């Protein structure tokens, strides 16, 4: 169970890094798209791409804590 806990902690960290990269790319695309291509959506909509990643991170952390508790028992 301890190895599963470690795997989910690592997965949570990787998901957070991927989330930052995706949101940064979308934000940059929206800024330049509004400036040069006439996108109609506001820039803050780029942050909506982070919601599924945030949910995944929370689930991974919850599973890591659960597996850690089971390993202790």
C-alpha atoms as a PDB file:
ATOM      1  CA  UNK A   1       0.000   0.000   0.000  1.00  0.00           C
ATOM      2  CA  UNK A   2       2.895   2.335   0.626  1.00  0.00           C
ATOM      3  CA  UNK A   3       3.994   2.073  -3.012  1.00  0.00           C
ATOM      4  CA  UNK A   4       0.490   3.013  -4.165  1.00  0.00           C
ATOM      5  CA  UNK A   5       0.592   6.023  -1.875  1.00  0.00           C
ATOM      6  CA  UNK A   6       3.919   7.097  -3.347  1.00  0.00           C
ATOM      7  CA  UNK A   7       2.673   6.605  -6.899  1.00  0.00           C
ATOM      8  CA  UNK A   8      -0.363   8.810  -6.293  1.00  0.00           C
ATOM      9  CA  UNK A   9       1.778  11.535  -4.669  1.00  0.00           C
ATOM     10  CA  UNK A  10       4.049  11.530  -7.704  1.00  0.00           C
ATOM     11  CA  UNK A  11       1.036  11.591 -10.029  1.00  0.00           C
ATOM     12  CA  UNK A  12      -0.394  14.584  -8.153  1.00  0.00           C
ATOM     13  CA  UNK A  13       2.871  16.492  -8.580  1.00  0.00           C
ATOM     14  CA  UNK A  14       3.064  15.630 -12.281  1.00  0.00           C
ATOM     15  CA  UNK A  15      -0.549  16.694 -12.804  1.00  0.00           C
ATOM     16  CA  UNK A  16       0.135  20.032 -11.127  1.00  0.00           C
ATOM     17  CA  UNK A  17       3.068  20.657 -13.462  1.00  0.00           C
ATOM     18  CA  UNK A  18       1.040  19.725 -16.530  1.00  0.00           C
ATOM     19  CA  UNK A  19      -1.832  21.915 -15.324  1.00  0.00           C
ATOM     20  CA  UNK A  20       0.469  24.928 -15.032  1.00  0.00           C
ATOM     21  CA  UNK A  21       1.846  24.371 -18.526  1.00  0.00           C
ATOM     22  CA  UNK A  22      -1.594  23.948 -20.109  1.00  0.00           C
ATOM     23  CA  UNK A  23      -3.069  27.004 -18.400  1.00  0.00           C
ATOM     24  CA  UNK A  24      -0.039  29.130 -19.289  1.00  0.00           C
ATOM     25  CA  UNK A  25      -0.219  28.066 -22.933  1.00  0.00           C
ATOM     26  CA  UNK A  26      -3.969  28.734 -23.120  1.00  0.00           C
ATOM     27  CA  UNK A  27      -3.562  32.114 -21.437  1.00  0.00           C
ATOM     28  CA  UNK A  28      -0.839  33.126 -23.858  1.00  0.00           C
ATOM     29  CA  UNK A  29      -2.915  31.934 -26.801  1.00  0.00           C
ATOM     30  CA  UNK A  30      -5.911  33.924 -25.591  1.00  0.00           C
ATOM     31  CA  UNK A  31      -3.883  37.112 -25.057  1.00  0.00           C
ATOM     32  CA  UNK A  32      -2.351  36.984 -28.527  1.00  0.00           C
ATOM     33  CA  UNK A  33      -5.595  35.785 -30.097  1.00  0.00           C
ATOM     34  CA  UNK A  34      -7.516  38.727 -28.676  1.00  0.00           C
ATOM     35  CA  UNK A  35      -4.818  41.139 -29.776  1.00  0.00           C
ATOM     36  CA  UNK A  36      -4.347  39.892 -33.343  1.00  0.00           C
ATOM     37  CA  UNK A  37      -7.122  37.485 -34.342  1.00  0.00           C
ATOM     38  CA  UNK A  38     -10.109  39.039 -32.651  1.00  0.00           C
ATOM     39  CA  UNK A  39     -11.067  36.263 -30.225  1.00  0.00           C
ATOM     40  CA  UNK A  40     -14.325  37.147 -28.527  1.00  0.00           C
ATOM     41  CA  UNK A  41     -13.829  35.284 -25.233  1.00  0.00           C
ATOM     42  CA  UNK A  42     -12.183  37.055 -22.298  1.00  0.00           C
ATOM     43  CA  UNK A  43      -8.697  36.053 -21.195  1.00  0.00           C
ATOM     44  CA  UNK A  44      -9.832  34.570 -17.865  1.00  0.00           C
ATOM     45  CA  UNK A  45     -11.512  31.690 -19.710  1.00  0.00           C
ATOM     46  CA  UNK A  46      -8.044  30.197 -20.185  1.00  0.00           C
ATOM     47  CA  UNK A  47      -8.088  29.317 -16.474  1.00  0.00           C
ATOM     48  CA  UNK A  48     -11.089  27.042 -16.997  1.00  0.00           C
ATOM     49  CA  UNK A  49      -8.745  24.466 -18.518  1.00  0.00           C
ATOM     50  CA  UNK A  50      -7.236  23.966 -15.070  1.00  0.00           C
ATOM     51  CA  UNK A  51     -10.450  22.740 -13.447  1.00  0.00           C
ATOM     52  CA  UNK A  52     -10.214  19.077 -14.577  1.00  0.00           C
ATOM     53  CA  UNK A  53      -6.555  18.989 -13.573  1.00  0.00           C
ATOM     54  CA  UNK A  54      -7.381  20.430 -10.143  1.00  0.00           C
ATOM     55  CA  UNK A  55     -10.044  17.767  -9.628  1.00  0.00           C
ATOM     56  CA  UNK A  56      -7.551  15.074 -10.636  1.00  0.00           C
ATOM     57  CA  UNK A  57      -4.944  16.460  -8.238  1.00  0.00           C
ATOM     58  CA  UNK A  58      -7.423  16.445  -5.344  1.00  0.00           C
ATOM     59  CA  UNK A  59      -8.429  12.849  -6.136  1.00  0.00           C
ATOM     60  CA  UNK A  60      -4.782  11.735  -6.319  1.00  0.00           C
ATOM     61  CA  UNK A  61      -3.968  13.372  -2.996  1.00  0.00           C
ATOM     62  CA  UNK A  62      -7.035  11.820  -1.365  1.00  0.00           C
ATOM     63  CA  UNK A  63      -6.072   8.369  -2.650  1.00  0.00           C
ATOM     64  CA  UNK A  64      -2.467   8.832  -1.518  1.00  0.00           C
ATOM     65  CA  UNK A  65      -3.605   9.730   1.993  1.00  0.00           C
ATOM     66  CA  UNK A  66      -6.057   6.813   2.036  1.00  0.00           C
ATOM     67  CA  UNK A  67      -3.405   4.313   0.958  1.00  0.00           C
ATOM     68  CA  UNK A  68      -0.926   5.760   3.459  1.00  0.00           C
ATOM     69  CA  UNK A  69      -3.454   5.238   6.295  1.00  0.00           C
ATOM     70  CA  UNK A  70      -4.093   1.665   5.172  1.00  0.00           C
ATOM     71  CA  UNK A  71      -0.360   1.002   5.087  1.00  0.00           C
ATOM     72  CA  UNK A  72      -0.003   2.166   8.686  1.00  0.00           C
ATOM     73  CA  UNK A  73      -2.815  -0.082   9.916  1.00  0.00           C
END
